[in-house]
């Protein structure tokens, strides 16, 4: 993951043409203008649902021994459809051993987000695979005045602003 942080730091959060931010690129995404999330999650989906779709579609043999990190750049279109655009693989398994093509199919066909209204969003999802099958998920963003950082959930921000 360290090898992708530097290029991400230099990106701005304005409108961009879809581009692969991570080293393993996939095709077949509808390339449209999109924004990169900055401080708060714009594309909304239950983190457990995201994790479940990705983990269940990894190669089961590799999944049992998986340690390290996988970062996913997922384009979320108006209406909630998604498309896996690119991945960074910081594990001991290669793309084929993980069966990332199957993961792409699952994300593209099964992962539906809440409607993002008026904008397409590039969502960055980081999965960390630890011992005993433990998997954690973090949503990441980047802004002009901040490098890569964890995003805040909209419901947490609303509760902080409005504690009633």
Protein backbone atom coordinates (compact mmCIF):
# COMPACT_ATOMS: atom_id res chain seq x y z
CA UNK A 1 0.00 0.00 0.00
CA UNK A 2 2.90 2.35 0.67
CA UNK A 3 3.76 2.42 -3.03
CA UNK A 4 0.36 3.94 -3.88
CA UNK A 5 0.18 6.56 -1.13
CA UNK A 6 2.58 8.99 -2.78
CA UNK A 7 0.65 9.19 -6.09
CA UNK A 8 -2.62 9.54 -4.20
CA UNK A 9 -1.26 12.42 -2.14
CA UNK A 10 -0.91 14.50 -5.28
CA UNK A 11 -4.48 14.03 -6.49
CA UNK A 12 -7.01 16.77 -5.98
CA UNK A 13 -10.63 16.14 -5.08
CA UNK A 14 -12.21 18.07 -7.94
CA UNK A 15 -13.90 16.50 -10.95
CA UNK A 16 -11.62 13.96 -12.62
CA UNK A 17 -11.83 11.69 -15.59
CA UNK A 18 -11.92 8.13 -14.32
CA UNK A 19 -8.43 6.79 -13.97
CA UNK A 20 -6.84 3.85 -12.30
CA UNK A 21 -5.40 5.05 -9.00
CA UNK A 22 -4.09 1.60 -8.06
CA UNK A 23 -1.66 -0.73 -9.88
CA UNK A 24 -3.97 -3.61 -10.89
CA UNK A 25 -6.39 -2.11 -13.39
CA UNK A 26 -9.63 -3.60 -14.71
CA UNK A 27 -11.66 -2.73 -17.76
CA UNK A 28 -15.35 -2.48 -18.57
CA UNK A 29 -16.21 0.40 -16.22
CA UNK A 30 -18.26 3.22 -17.70
CA UNK A 31 -15.75 6.04 -17.65
CA UNK A 32 -17.41 9.26 -16.46
CA UNK A 33 -16.47 12.24 -14.34
CA UNK A 34 -16.31 11.38 -10.66
CA UNK A 35 -15.23 12.83 -7.34
CA UNK A 36 -12.86 11.26 -4.84
CA UNK A 37 -14.22 11.21 -1.32
CA UNK A 38 -12.43 13.71 0.93
CA UNK A 39 -13.64 13.98 4.56
CA UNK A 40 -16.96 12.14 4.75
CA UNK A 41 -18.27 9.04 2.96
CA UNK A 42 -20.33 10.21 -0.01
CA UNK A 43 -21.01 6.73 -1.38
CA UNK A 44 -22.91 4.98 1.41
CA UNK A 45 -23.06 1.25 2.06
CA UNK A 46 -22.92 -0.87 5.19
CA UNK A 47 -19.22 -1.77 5.65
CA UNK A 48 -20.10 -5.35 6.60
CA UNK A 49 -21.99 -5.81 3.32
CA UNK A 50 -19.00 -4.51 1.32
CA UNK A 51 -16.63 -6.79 3.22
CA UNK A 52 -18.90 -9.82 2.81
CA UNK A 53 -19.22 -9.47 -0.97
CA UNK A 54 -15.46 -9.08 -1.45
CA UNK A 55 -14.28 -11.75 1.00
CA UNK A 56 -16.81 -14.38 -0.09
CA UNK A 57 -15.67 -14.07 -3.70
CA UNK A 58 -11.93 -14.42 -3.08
CA UNK A 59 -10.44 -17.81 -3.86
CA UNK A 60 -11.28 -19.96 -0.78
CA UNK A 61 -7.84 -21.62 -0.70
CA UNK A 62 -6.05 -18.27 -0.71
CA UNK A 63 -8.58 -16.71 1.68
CA UNK A 64 -7.70 -19.21 4.42
CA UNK A 65 -4.03 -18.12 4.41
CA UNK A 66 -4.53 -14.48 3.46
CA UNK A 67 -2.57 -11.85 5.40
CA UNK A 68 -1.91 -8.27 4.38
CA UNK A 69 -3.95 -5.60 2.65
CA UNK A 70 -6.10 -5.24 -0.44
CA UNK A 71 -7.22 -1.76 -1.47
CA UNK A 72 -10.06 -1.37 -3.96
CA UNK A 73 -11.00 1.64 -6.08
CA UNK A 74 -14.69 1.24 -6.76
CA UNK A 75 -16.60 3.64 -9.00
CA UNK A 76 -20.09 4.24 -7.65
CA UNK A 77 -22.50 5.61 -10.21
CA UNK A 78 -25.66 7.63 -9.74
CA UNK A 79 -28.33 5.10 -8.89
CA UNK A 80 -25.94 3.01 -6.77
CA UNK A 81 -24.36 0.65 -9.31
CA UNK A 82 -20.66 -0.03 -8.86
CA UNK A 83 -17.67 -1.04 -10.93
CA UNK A 84 -14.27 -2.20 -9.69
CA UNK A 85 -11.71 -0.01 -11.44
CA UNK A 86 -8.43 -0.93 -9.75
CA UNK A 87 -6.82 -2.80 -6.86
CA UNK A 88 -3.58 -2.64 -4.87
CA UNK A 89 -2.51 -6.07 -3.63
CA UNK A 90 -0.18 -6.07 -0.62
CA UNK A 91 -0.46 -9.82 0.12
CA UNK A 92 1.70 -12.82 -0.80
CA UNK A 93 -0.85 -13.98 -3.40
CA UNK A 94 -1.04 -12.71 -6.98
CA UNK A 95 -4.14 -11.49 -8.81
CA UNK A 96 -4.95 -14.92 -10.24
CA UNK A 97 -4.39 -16.79 -6.97
CA UNK A 98 -6.85 -14.43 -5.27
CA UNK A 99 -9.27 -14.74 -8.19
CA UNK A 100 -9.72 -10.96 -8.42
CA UNK A 101 -11.68 -11.35 -11.68
CA UNK A 102 -14.42 -13.10 -9.68
CA UNK A 103 -14.26 -10.33 -7.06
CA UNK A 104 -14.67 -7.77 -9.85
CA UNK A 105 -17.72 -9.60 -11.18
CA UNK A 106 -19.25 -9.72 -7.67
CA UNK A 107 -18.63 -6.02 -7.04
CA UNK A 108 -19.98 -5.02 -10.45
CA UNK A 109 -23.07 -7.22 -10.24
CA UNK A 110 -23.91 -7.54 -6.53
CA UNK A 111 -22.65 -4.44 -4.73
CA UNK A 112 -25.37 -1.79 -4.80
CA UNK A 113 -24.86 1.44 -2.87
CA UNK A 114 -27.32 4.07 -1.72
CA UNK A 115 -27.99 6.53 -4.54
CA UNK A 116 -25.14 9.06 -4.68
CA UNK A 117 -27.35 11.79 -6.23
CA UNK A 118 -25.87 14.15 -8.81
CA UNK A 119 -22.33 12.77 -8.84
CA UNK A 120 -20.32 9.65 -9.52
CA UNK A 121 -17.93 8.76 -6.71
CA UNK A 122 -14.61 6.95 -6.49
CA UNK A 123 -14.75 4.98 -3.24
CA UNK A 124 -11.50 3.66 -1.76
CA UNK A 125 -11.96 0.54 0.37
CA UNK A 126 -9.09 -0.99 2.35
CA UNK A 127 -9.39 -4.55 3.65
CA UNK A 128 -6.81 -5.77 6.17
CA UNK A 129 -6.51 -9.53 6.56
CA UNK A 130 -5.17 -10.67 9.92
CA UNK A 131 -4.66 -13.95 11.75
CA UNK A 132 -7.52 -16.32 12.49
CA UNK A 133 -9.56 -15.04 9.56
CA UNK A 134 -10.08 -11.55 11.02
CA UNK A 135 -10.80 -8.94 8.35
CA UNK A 136 -11.18 -5.21 8.95
CA UNK A 137 -12.48 -2.61 6.52
CA UNK A 138 -11.61 1.08 6.32
CA UNK A 139 -12.92 3.67 3.88
CA UNK A 140 -10.21 6.07 2.75
CA UNK A 141 -10.25 9.53 1.23
CA UNK A 142 -7.84 12.18 0.06
CA UNK A 143 -8.05 15.94 -0.13
CA UNK A 144 -6.00 18.90 -1.29
CA UNK A 145 -4.93 19.71 2.27
CA UNK A 146 -4.71 16.13 3.60
CA UNK A 147 -3.02 13.00 2.41
CA UNK A 148 -4.68 9.58 2.54
CA UNK A 149 -6.87 9.29 5.64
CA UNK A 150 -9.84 7.38 7.00
CA UNK A 151 -13.22 8.87 6.13
CA UNK A 152 -15.87 9.81 8.64
CA UNK A 153 -19.27 8.15 8.42
CA UNK A 154 -22.09 10.63 7.69
CA UNK A 155 -24.18 9.37 10.63
CA UNK A 156 -21.26 9.93 13.03
CA UNK A 157 -20.71 13.46 11.70
CA UNK A 158 -24.43 14.25 12.08
CA UNK A 159 -24.45 12.95 15.67
CA UNK A 160 -21.42 15.08 16.51
CA UNK A 161 -22.97 18.23 15.06
CA UNK A 162 -26.43 17.51 16.46
CA UNK A 163 -26.01 15.59 19.75
CA UNK A 164 -29.78 15.51 20.47
